[in-house]
Amino acid sequence: MDFDMILRVLLWTAVGGLLLFVLMFVDSLFTKYNDLEEVKAGNMAVTTRLILKLIAQGYILSVSIGTSYHLLEAVVVSIISFIILFVLEALTELILRNFGKLNLDKGTREGKTGYGLFAGSLHVVGALIITACL
């Protein structure tokens, strides 16, 4: 491993970390509660959902970096994947709420860990499907 490779790893890691932070921040703007405040308060449902979302986004980012030749390409693929995942989450939660009488957002906010686990696992599955296409 030469010095250029080390610099490239540092740059890609820094940009990847920053992008992951931005994507998770944007995602938190669309939840009906404050993720970090709920985590601080000990809400395990929100914590579980947040961790699974972080894993899903991190996995998408790692695959996009691994399959891209340029940093900008990896960033664009990650952003587009985030949007796709966001839309899939909204549609799935809408279908579950209307046809299954299961409100994942409300149950997660109320601290029902099963709801948070279900909601977070939707992100992981979505990430697996998206990355299969990369």
N, C-alpha and C. Protein backbone atom coordinates (compact mmCIF):
# COMPACT_ATOMS: atom_id res chain seq x y z
N MET A 1 0.86 -1.17 0.00
CA MET A 1 0.00 0.00 0.00
C MET A 1 0.91 1.24 0.00
N ASP A 2 0.71 2.09 -0.98
CA ASP A 2 1.53 3.29 -1.06
C ASP A 2 0.81 4.48 -0.41
N PHE A 3 1.52 5.61 -0.38
CA PHE A 3 0.99 6.80 0.29
C PHE A 3 -0.28 7.32 -0.39
N ASP A 4 -0.35 7.25 -1.73
CA ASP A 4 -1.55 7.69 -2.45
C ASP A 4 -2.77 6.87 -2.04
N MET A 5 -2.57 5.57 -1.87
CA MET A 5 -3.67 4.70 -1.46
C MET A 5 -4.16 5.06 -0.06
N ILE A 6 -3.23 5.35 0.83
CA ILE A 6 -3.60 5.74 2.19
C ILE A 6 -4.39 7.05 2.17
N LEU A 7 -3.94 8.01 1.38
CA LEU A 7 -4.68 9.28 1.25
C LEU A 7 -6.07 9.05 0.67
N ARG A 8 -6.17 8.18 -0.31
CA ARG A 8 -7.47 7.87 -0.93
C ARG A 8 -8.41 7.25 0.10
N VAL A 9 -7.90 6.33 0.90
CA VAL A 9 -8.72 5.69 1.94
C VAL A 9 -9.19 6.74 2.94
N LEU A 10 -8.30 7.63 3.35
CA LEU A 10 -8.68 8.68 4.29
C LEU A 10 -9.75 9.59 3.70
N LEU A 11 -9.56 10.00 2.45
CA LEU A 11 -10.53 10.88 1.79
C LEU A 11 -11.89 10.20 1.64
N TRP A 12 -11.90 8.97 1.14
CA TRP A 12 -13.16 8.26 0.93
C TRP A 12 -13.86 8.00 2.26
N THR A 13 -13.09 7.71 3.29
CA THR A 13 -13.68 7.48 4.62
C THR A 13 -14.28 8.77 5.17
N ALA A 14 -13.56 9.87 5.05
CA ALA A 14 -14.07 11.16 5.55
C ALA A 14 -15.33 11.57 4.80
N VAL A 15 -15.30 11.47 3.47
CA VAL A 15 -16.47 11.84 2.67
C VAL A 15 -17.63 10.89 2.97
N GLY A 16 -17.34 9.61 3.09
CA GLY A 16 -18.38 8.63 3.40
C GLY A 16 -19.02 8.89 4.76
N GLY A 17 -18.19 9.19 5.76
CA GLY A 17 -18.71 9.50 7.10
C GLY A 17 -19.56 10.75 7.10
N LEU A 18 -19.10 11.78 6.39
CA LEU A 18 -19.86 13.02 6.30
C LEU A 18 -21.20 12.78 5.58
N LEU A 19 -21.16 12.05 4.49
CA LEU A 19 -22.39 11.75 3.76
C LEU A 19 -23.36 10.95 4.62
N LEU A 20 -22.85 9.98 5.34
CA LEU A 20 -23.70 9.17 6.22
C LEU A 20 -24.35 10.05 7.29
N PHE A 21 -23.58 10.97 7.87
CA PHE A 21 -24.13 11.90 8.86
C PHE A 21 -25.23 12.75 8.24
N VAL A 22 -24.99 13.30 7.06
CA VAL A 22 -25.98 14.15 6.38
C VAL A 22 -27.25 13.36 6.07
N LEU A 23 -27.09 12.15 5.54
CA LEU A 23 -28.27 11.34 5.20
C LEU A 23 -29.08 10.98 6.43
N MET A 24 -28.41 10.63 7.52
CA MET A 24 -29.14 10.30 8.75
C MET A 24 -29.80 11.55 9.34
N PHE A 25 -29.16 12.70 9.21
CA PHE A 25 -29.76 13.95 9.68
C PHE A 25 -31.02 14.26 8.87
N VAL A 26 -30.92 14.15 7.55
CA VAL A 26 -32.09 14.40 6.69
C VAL A 26 -33.21 13.44 7.04
N ASP A 27 -32.86 12.18 7.25
CA ASP A 27 -33.87 11.19 7.63
C ASP A 27 -34.55 11.58 8.94
N SER A 28 -33.77 12.07 9.90
CA SER A 28 -34.35 12.43 11.20
C SER A 28 -35.32 13.60 11.09
N LEU A 29 -35.18 14.42 10.06
CA LEU A 29 -36.11 15.54 9.87
C LEU A 29 -37.51 15.06 9.51
N PHE A 30 -37.61 13.84 9.00
CA PHE A 30 -38.91 13.32 8.57
C PHE A 30 -39.57 12.42 9.61
N THR A 31 -38.89 12.15 10.71
CA THR A 31 -39.55 11.39 11.77
C THR A 31 -40.36 12.36 12.62
N LYS A 32 -41.38 11.85 13.25
CA LYS A 32 -42.28 12.70 14.02
C LYS A 32 -41.80 12.88 15.46
N TYR A 33 -40.56 12.49 15.71
CA TYR A 33 -39.97 12.64 17.03
C TYR A 33 -38.48 12.90 16.84
N ASN A 34 -37.82 13.33 17.90
CA ASN A 34 -36.39 13.60 17.86
C ASN A 34 -35.64 12.31 18.21
N ASP A 35 -34.99 11.73 17.21
CA ASP A 35 -34.30 10.45 17.40
C ASP A 35 -33.33 10.49 18.58
N LEU A 36 -32.46 11.48 18.60
CA LEU A 36 -31.43 11.52 19.64
C LEU A 36 -32.02 11.73 21.02
N GLU A 37 -33.05 12.55 21.13
CA GLU A 37 -33.70 12.75 22.43
C GLU A 37 -34.34 11.44 22.91
N GLU A 38 -34.96 10.71 22.00
CA GLU A 38 -35.57 9.42 22.36
C GLU A 38 -34.51 8.41 22.77
N VAL A 39 -33.38 8.40 22.07
CA VAL A 39 -32.29 7.50 22.44
C VAL A 39 -31.78 7.86 23.84
N LYS A 40 -31.57 9.15 24.09
CA LYS A 40 -31.12 9.60 25.41
C LYS A 40 -32.10 9.21 26.50
N ALA A 41 -33.40 9.23 26.17
CA ALA A 41 -34.43 8.90 27.15
C ALA A 41 -34.56 7.39 27.37
N GLY A 42 -33.82 6.61 26.57
CA GLY A 42 -33.85 5.15 26.76
C GLY A 42 -34.89 4.42 25.93
N ASN A 43 -35.43 5.07 24.92
CA ASN A 43 -36.43 4.42 24.08
C ASN A 43 -35.73 3.39 23.18
N MET A 44 -35.84 2.12 23.55
CA MET A 44 -35.14 1.06 22.82
C MET A 44 -35.72 0.82 21.44
N ALA A 45 -36.99 1.14 21.23
CA ALA A 45 -37.59 0.99 19.91
C ALA A 45 -36.96 1.96 18.92
N VAL A 46 -36.84 3.21 19.34
CA VAL A 46 -36.22 4.23 18.48
C VAL A 46 -34.74 3.90 18.29
N THR A 47 -34.06 3.49 19.35
CA THR A 47 -32.65 3.14 19.26
C THR A 47 -32.44 1.99 18.28
N THR A 48 -33.27 0.97 18.35
CA THR A 48 -33.17 -0.18 17.45
C THR A 48 -33.38 0.25 16.02
N ARG A 49 -34.43 1.03 15.78
CA ARG A 49 -34.72 1.51 14.43
C ARG A 49 -33.56 2.34 13.90
N LEU A 50 -33.03 3.24 14.72
CA LEU A 50 -31.94 4.11 14.31
C LEU A 50 -30.68 3.31 13.97
N ILE A 51 -30.35 2.33 14.78
CA ILE A 51 -29.17 1.49 14.52
C ILE A 51 -29.33 0.72 13.22
N LEU A 52 -30.51 0.14 13.00
CA LEU A 52 -30.73 -0.62 11.77
C LEU A 52 -30.71 0.29 10.53
N LYS A 53 -31.23 1.49 10.67
CA LYS A 53 -31.15 2.45 9.56
C LYS A 53 -29.70 2.83 9.28
N LEU A 54 -28.93 3.02 10.33
CA LEU A 54 -27.52 3.35 10.17
C LEU A 54 -26.77 2.21 9.49
N ILE A 55 -27.05 0.99 9.89
CA ILE A 55 -26.42 -0.17 9.25
C ILE A 55 -26.81 -0.24 7.78
N ALA A 56 -28.09 -0.03 7.48
CA ALA A 56 -28.56 -0.08 6.08
C ALA A 56 -27.88 0.98 5.24
N GLN A 57 -27.83 2.21 5.73
CA GLN A 57 -27.19 3.29 4.97
C GLN A 57 -25.69 3.05 4.84
N GLY A 58 -25.08 2.57 5.91
CA GLY A 58 -23.65 2.26 5.86
C GLY A 58 -23.35 1.16 4.86
N TYR A 59 -24.21 0.17 4.80
CA TYR A 59 -24.00 -0.92 3.84
C TYR A 59 -24.14 -0.42 2.39
N ILE A 60 -25.16 0.38 2.15
CA ILE A 60 -25.33 0.97 0.82
C ILE A 60 -24.10 1.80 0.45
N LEU A 61 -23.62 2.59 1.39
CA LEU A 61 -22.44 3.42 1.14
C LEU A 61 -21.21 2.55 0.86
N SER A 62 -21.04 1.48 1.63
CA SER A 62 -19.87 0.63 1.42
C SER A 62 -19.91 -0.05 0.06
N VAL A 63 -21.08 -0.50 -0.36
CA VAL A 63 -21.19 -1.14 -1.67
C VAL A 63 -20.99 -0.11 -2.78
N SER A 64 -21.56 1.08 -2.61
CA SER A 64 -21.40 2.10 -3.66
C SER A 64 -19.94 2.52 -3.77
N ILE A 65 -19.23 2.60 -2.67
CA ILE A 65 -17.80 2.92 -2.72
C ILE A 65 -17.02 1.78 -3.37
N GLY A 66 -17.38 0.56 -3.00
CA GLY A 66 -16.68 -0.60 -3.54
C GLY A 66 -16.89 -0.82 -5.03
N THR A 67 -17.98 -0.32 -5.58
CA THR A 67 -18.28 -0.54 -6.99
C THR A 67 -18.05 0.70 -7.85
N SER A 68 -17.63 1.80 -7.24
CA SER A 68 -17.43 3.04 -7.98
C SER A 68 -15.96 3.28 -8.25
N TYR A 69 -15.70 3.90 -9.39
CA TYR A 69 -14.33 4.26 -9.74
C TYR A 69 -13.98 5.67 -9.27
N HIS A 70 -15.00 6.47 -9.03
CA HIS A 70 -14.78 7.86 -8.62
C HIS A 70 -15.61 8.16 -7.38
N LEU A 71 -15.08 8.99 -6.53
CA LEU A 71 -15.75 9.35 -5.28
C LEU A 71 -17.10 10.00 -5.54
N LEU A 72 -17.18 10.89 -6.50
CA LEU A 72 -18.45 11.56 -6.81
C LEU A 72 -19.52 10.56 -7.24
N GLU A 73 -19.12 9.56 -8.00
CA GLU A 73 -20.06 8.52 -8.42
C GLU A 73 -20.62 7.77 -7.20
N ALA A 74 -19.77 7.44 -6.25
CA ALA A 74 -20.21 6.74 -5.04
C ALA A 74 -21.17 7.61 -4.23
N VAL A 75 -20.88 8.90 -4.14
CA VAL A 75 -21.75 9.83 -3.41
C VAL A 75 -23.11 9.92 -4.07
N VAL A 76 -23.13 10.08 -5.39
CA VAL A 76 -24.40 10.19 -6.13
C VAL A 76 -25.21 8.90 -5.99
N VAL A 77 -24.56 7.76 -6.14
CA VAL A 77 -25.27 6.47 -6.00
C VAL A 77 -25.85 6.34 -4.60
N SER A 78 -25.10 6.75 -3.57
CA SER A 78 -25.59 6.67 -2.20
C SER A 78 -26.78 7.58 -1.97
N ILE A 79 -26.74 8.78 -2.53
CA ILE A 79 -27.86 9.72 -2.37
C ILE A 79 -29.10 9.20 -3.08
N ILE A 80 -28.94 8.71 -4.29
CA ILE A 80 -30.08 8.15 -5.03
C ILE A 80 -30.64 6.94 -4.29
N SER A 81 -29.76 6.10 -3.76
CA SER A 81 -30.21 4.93 -3.00
C SER A 81 -30.97 5.35 -1.75
N PHE A 82 -30.50 6.41 -1.09
CA PHE A 82 -31.19 6.93 0.09
C PHE A 82 -32.60 7.38 -0.27
N ILE A 83 -32.73 8.07 -1.38
CA ILE A 83 -34.06 8.54 -1.83
C ILE A 83 -34.97 7.35 -2.13
N ILE A 84 -34.43 6.36 -2.83
CA ILE A 84 -35.22 5.15 -3.13
C ILE A 84 -35.66 4.48 -1.84
N LEU A 85 -34.74 4.32 -0.90
CA LEU A 85 -35.05 3.68 0.37
C LEU A 85 -36.08 4.49 1.15
N PHE A 86 -35.97 5.80 1.11
CA PHE A 86 -36.91 6.68 1.79
C PHE A 86 -38.33 6.51 1.22
N VAL A 87 -38.43 6.46 -0.11
CA VAL A 87 -39.73 6.29 -0.77
C VAL A 87 -40.30 4.91 -0.45
N LEU A 88 -39.46 3.88 -0.52
CA LEU A 88 -39.92 2.52 -0.20
C LEU A 88 -40.43 2.44 1.24
N GLU A 89 -39.71 3.09 2.16
CA GLU A 89 -40.14 3.09 3.56
C GLU A 89 -41.51 3.75 3.70
N ALA A 90 -41.69 4.90 3.07
CA ALA A 90 -42.96 5.62 3.17
C ALA A 90 -44.11 4.79 2.60
N LEU A 91 -43.88 4.18 1.45
CA LEU A 91 -44.93 3.35 0.83
C LEU A 91 -45.26 2.13 1.68
N THR A 92 -44.24 1.48 2.19
CA THR A 92 -44.46 0.28 3.01
C THR A 92 -45.20 0.64 4.29
N GLU A 93 -44.79 1.72 4.93
CA GLU A 93 -45.48 2.12 6.17
C GLU A 93 -46.92 2.53 5.89
N LEU A 94 -47.16 3.16 4.75
CA LEU A 94 -48.53 3.53 4.37
C LEU A 94 -49.39 2.29 4.15
N ILE A 95 -48.85 1.32 3.46
CA ILE A 95 -49.58 0.07 3.21
C ILE A 95 -49.86 -0.66 4.52
N LEU A 96 -48.85 -0.76 5.39
CA LEU A 96 -49.03 -1.43 6.68
C LEU A 96 -50.06 -0.71 7.55
N ARG A 97 -50.03 0.62 7.51
CA ARG A 97 -50.97 1.41 8.32
C ARG A 97 -52.40 1.24 7.81
N ASN A 98 -52.59 1.27 6.48
CA ASN A 98 -53.93 1.24 5.92
C ASN A 98 -54.52 -0.17 5.81
N PHE A 99 -53.68 -1.15 5.49
CA PHE A 99 -54.21 -2.49 5.28
C PHE A 99 -53.94 -3.44 6.44
N GLY A 100 -52.88 -3.20 7.17
CA GLY A 100 -52.55 -4.07 8.28
C GLY A 100 -52.85 -3.47 9.64
N LYS A 101 -53.34 -2.23 9.63
CA LYS A 101 -53.63 -1.51 10.89
C LYS A 101 -52.42 -1.54 11.82
N LEU A 102 -51.22 -1.34 11.23
CA LEU A 102 -49.98 -1.37 11.97
C LEU A 102 -49.24 -0.07 11.71
N ASN A 103 -49.21 0.81 12.72
CA ASN A 103 -48.55 2.10 12.59
C ASN A 103 -47.16 2.01 13.21
N LEU A 104 -46.16 1.73 12.36
CA LEU A 104 -44.80 1.53 12.85
C LEU A 104 -44.23 2.79 13.49
N ASP A 105 -44.50 3.93 12.91
CA ASP A 105 -43.97 5.19 13.45
C ASP A 105 -44.51 5.45 14.86
N LYS A 106 -45.81 5.30 15.02
CA LYS A 106 -46.43 5.54 16.32
C LYS A 106 -45.95 4.52 17.36
N GLY A 107 -45.93 3.25 16.97
CA GLY A 107 -45.48 2.21 17.90
C GLY A 107 -44.03 2.39 18.32
N THR A 108 -43.20 2.81 17.37
CA THR A 108 -41.79 3.05 17.67
C THR A 108 -41.66 4.22 18.64
N ARG A 109 -42.39 5.29 18.38
CA ARG A 109 -42.35 6.47 19.25
C ARG A 109 -42.83 6.11 20.66
N GLU A 110 -43.77 5.18 20.75
CA GLU A 110 -44.29 4.77 22.06
C GLU A 110 -43.36 3.80 22.79
N GLY A 111 -42.27 3.41 22.13
CA GLY A 111 -41.29 2.56 22.79
C GLY A 111 -41.51 1.07 22.61
N LYS A 112 -42.35 0.67 21.69
CA LYS A 112 -42.59 -0.75 21.43
C LYS A 112 -41.45 -1.27 20.56
N THR A 113 -40.56 -2.01 21.18
CA THR A 113 -39.33 -2.44 20.52
C THR A 113 -39.61 -3.25 19.26
N GLY A 114 -40.63 -4.07 19.26
CA GLY A 114 -40.97 -4.86 18.08
C GLY A 114 -41.28 -3.97 16.88
N TYR A 115 -41.92 -2.86 17.12
CA TYR A 115 -42.23 -1.91 16.05
C TYR A 115 -40.95 -1.30 15.49
N GLY A 116 -40.04 -0.91 16.40
CA GLY A 116 -38.77 -0.34 15.97
C GLY A 116 -37.93 -1.34 15.20
N LEU A 117 -37.95 -2.59 15.66
CA LEU A 117 -37.21 -3.64 14.98
C LEU A 117 -37.79 -3.90 13.60
N PHE A 118 -39.10 -3.94 13.49
CA PHE A 118 -39.77 -4.14 12.21
C PHE A 118 -39.45 -2.98 11.26
N ALA A 119 -39.59 -1.75 11.75
CA ALA A 119 -39.32 -0.57 10.92
C ALA A 119 -37.86 -0.55 10.46
N GLY A 120 -36.94 -0.83 11.35
CA GLY A 120 -35.53 -0.84 10.99
C GLY A 120 -35.17 -1.95 10.03
N SER A 121 -35.80 -3.11 10.21
CA SER A 121 -35.50 -4.24 9.32
C SER A 121 -35.96 -3.96 7.89
N LEU A 122 -36.97 -3.12 7.74
CA LEU A 122 -37.39 -2.73 6.39
C LEU A 122 -36.26 -1.99 5.68
N HIS A 123 -35.50 -1.21 6.41
CA HIS A 123 -34.36 -0.50 5.84
C HIS A 123 -33.25 -1.47 5.44
N VAL A 124 -33.00 -2.44 6.30
CA VAL A 124 -31.95 -3.42 5.99
C VAL A 124 -32.32 -4.21 4.74
N VAL A 125 -33.56 -4.67 4.67
CA VAL A 125 -34.01 -5.42 3.49
C VAL A 125 -33.94 -4.53 2.24
N GLY A 126 -34.39 -3.29 2.37
CA GLY A 126 -34.31 -2.37 1.25
C GLY A 126 -32.87 -2.16 0.79
N ALA A 127 -31.96 -2.04 1.76
CA ALA A 127 -30.54 -1.87 1.42
C ALA A 127 -30.00 -3.09 0.69
N LEU A 128 -30.39 -4.28 1.12
CA LEU A 128 -29.94 -5.50 0.46
C LEU A 128 -30.45 -5.55 -0.99
N ILE A 129 -31.70 -5.16 -1.18
CA ILE A 129 -32.27 -5.17 -2.53
C ILE A 129 -31.58 -4.13 -3.42
N ILE A 130 -31.41 -2.93 -2.88
CA ILE A 130 -30.77 -1.87 -3.65
C ILE A 130 -29.33 -2.25 -4.03
N THR A 131 -28.58 -2.75 -3.08
CA THR A 131 -27.18 -3.07 -3.36
C THR A 131 -27.02 -4.27 -4.29
N ALA A 132 -28.04 -5.10 -4.37
CA ALA A 132 -27.98 -6.20 -5.34
C ALA A 132 -27.96 -5.67 -6.77
N CYS A 133 -28.45 -4.48 -6.95
CA CYS A 133 -28.49 -3.86 -8.27
C CYS A 133 -27.22 -3.08 -8.59
N LEU A 134 -26.35 -2.88 -7.62
CA LEU A 134 -25.16 -2.05 -7.86
C LEU A 134 -24.03 -2.85 -8.43
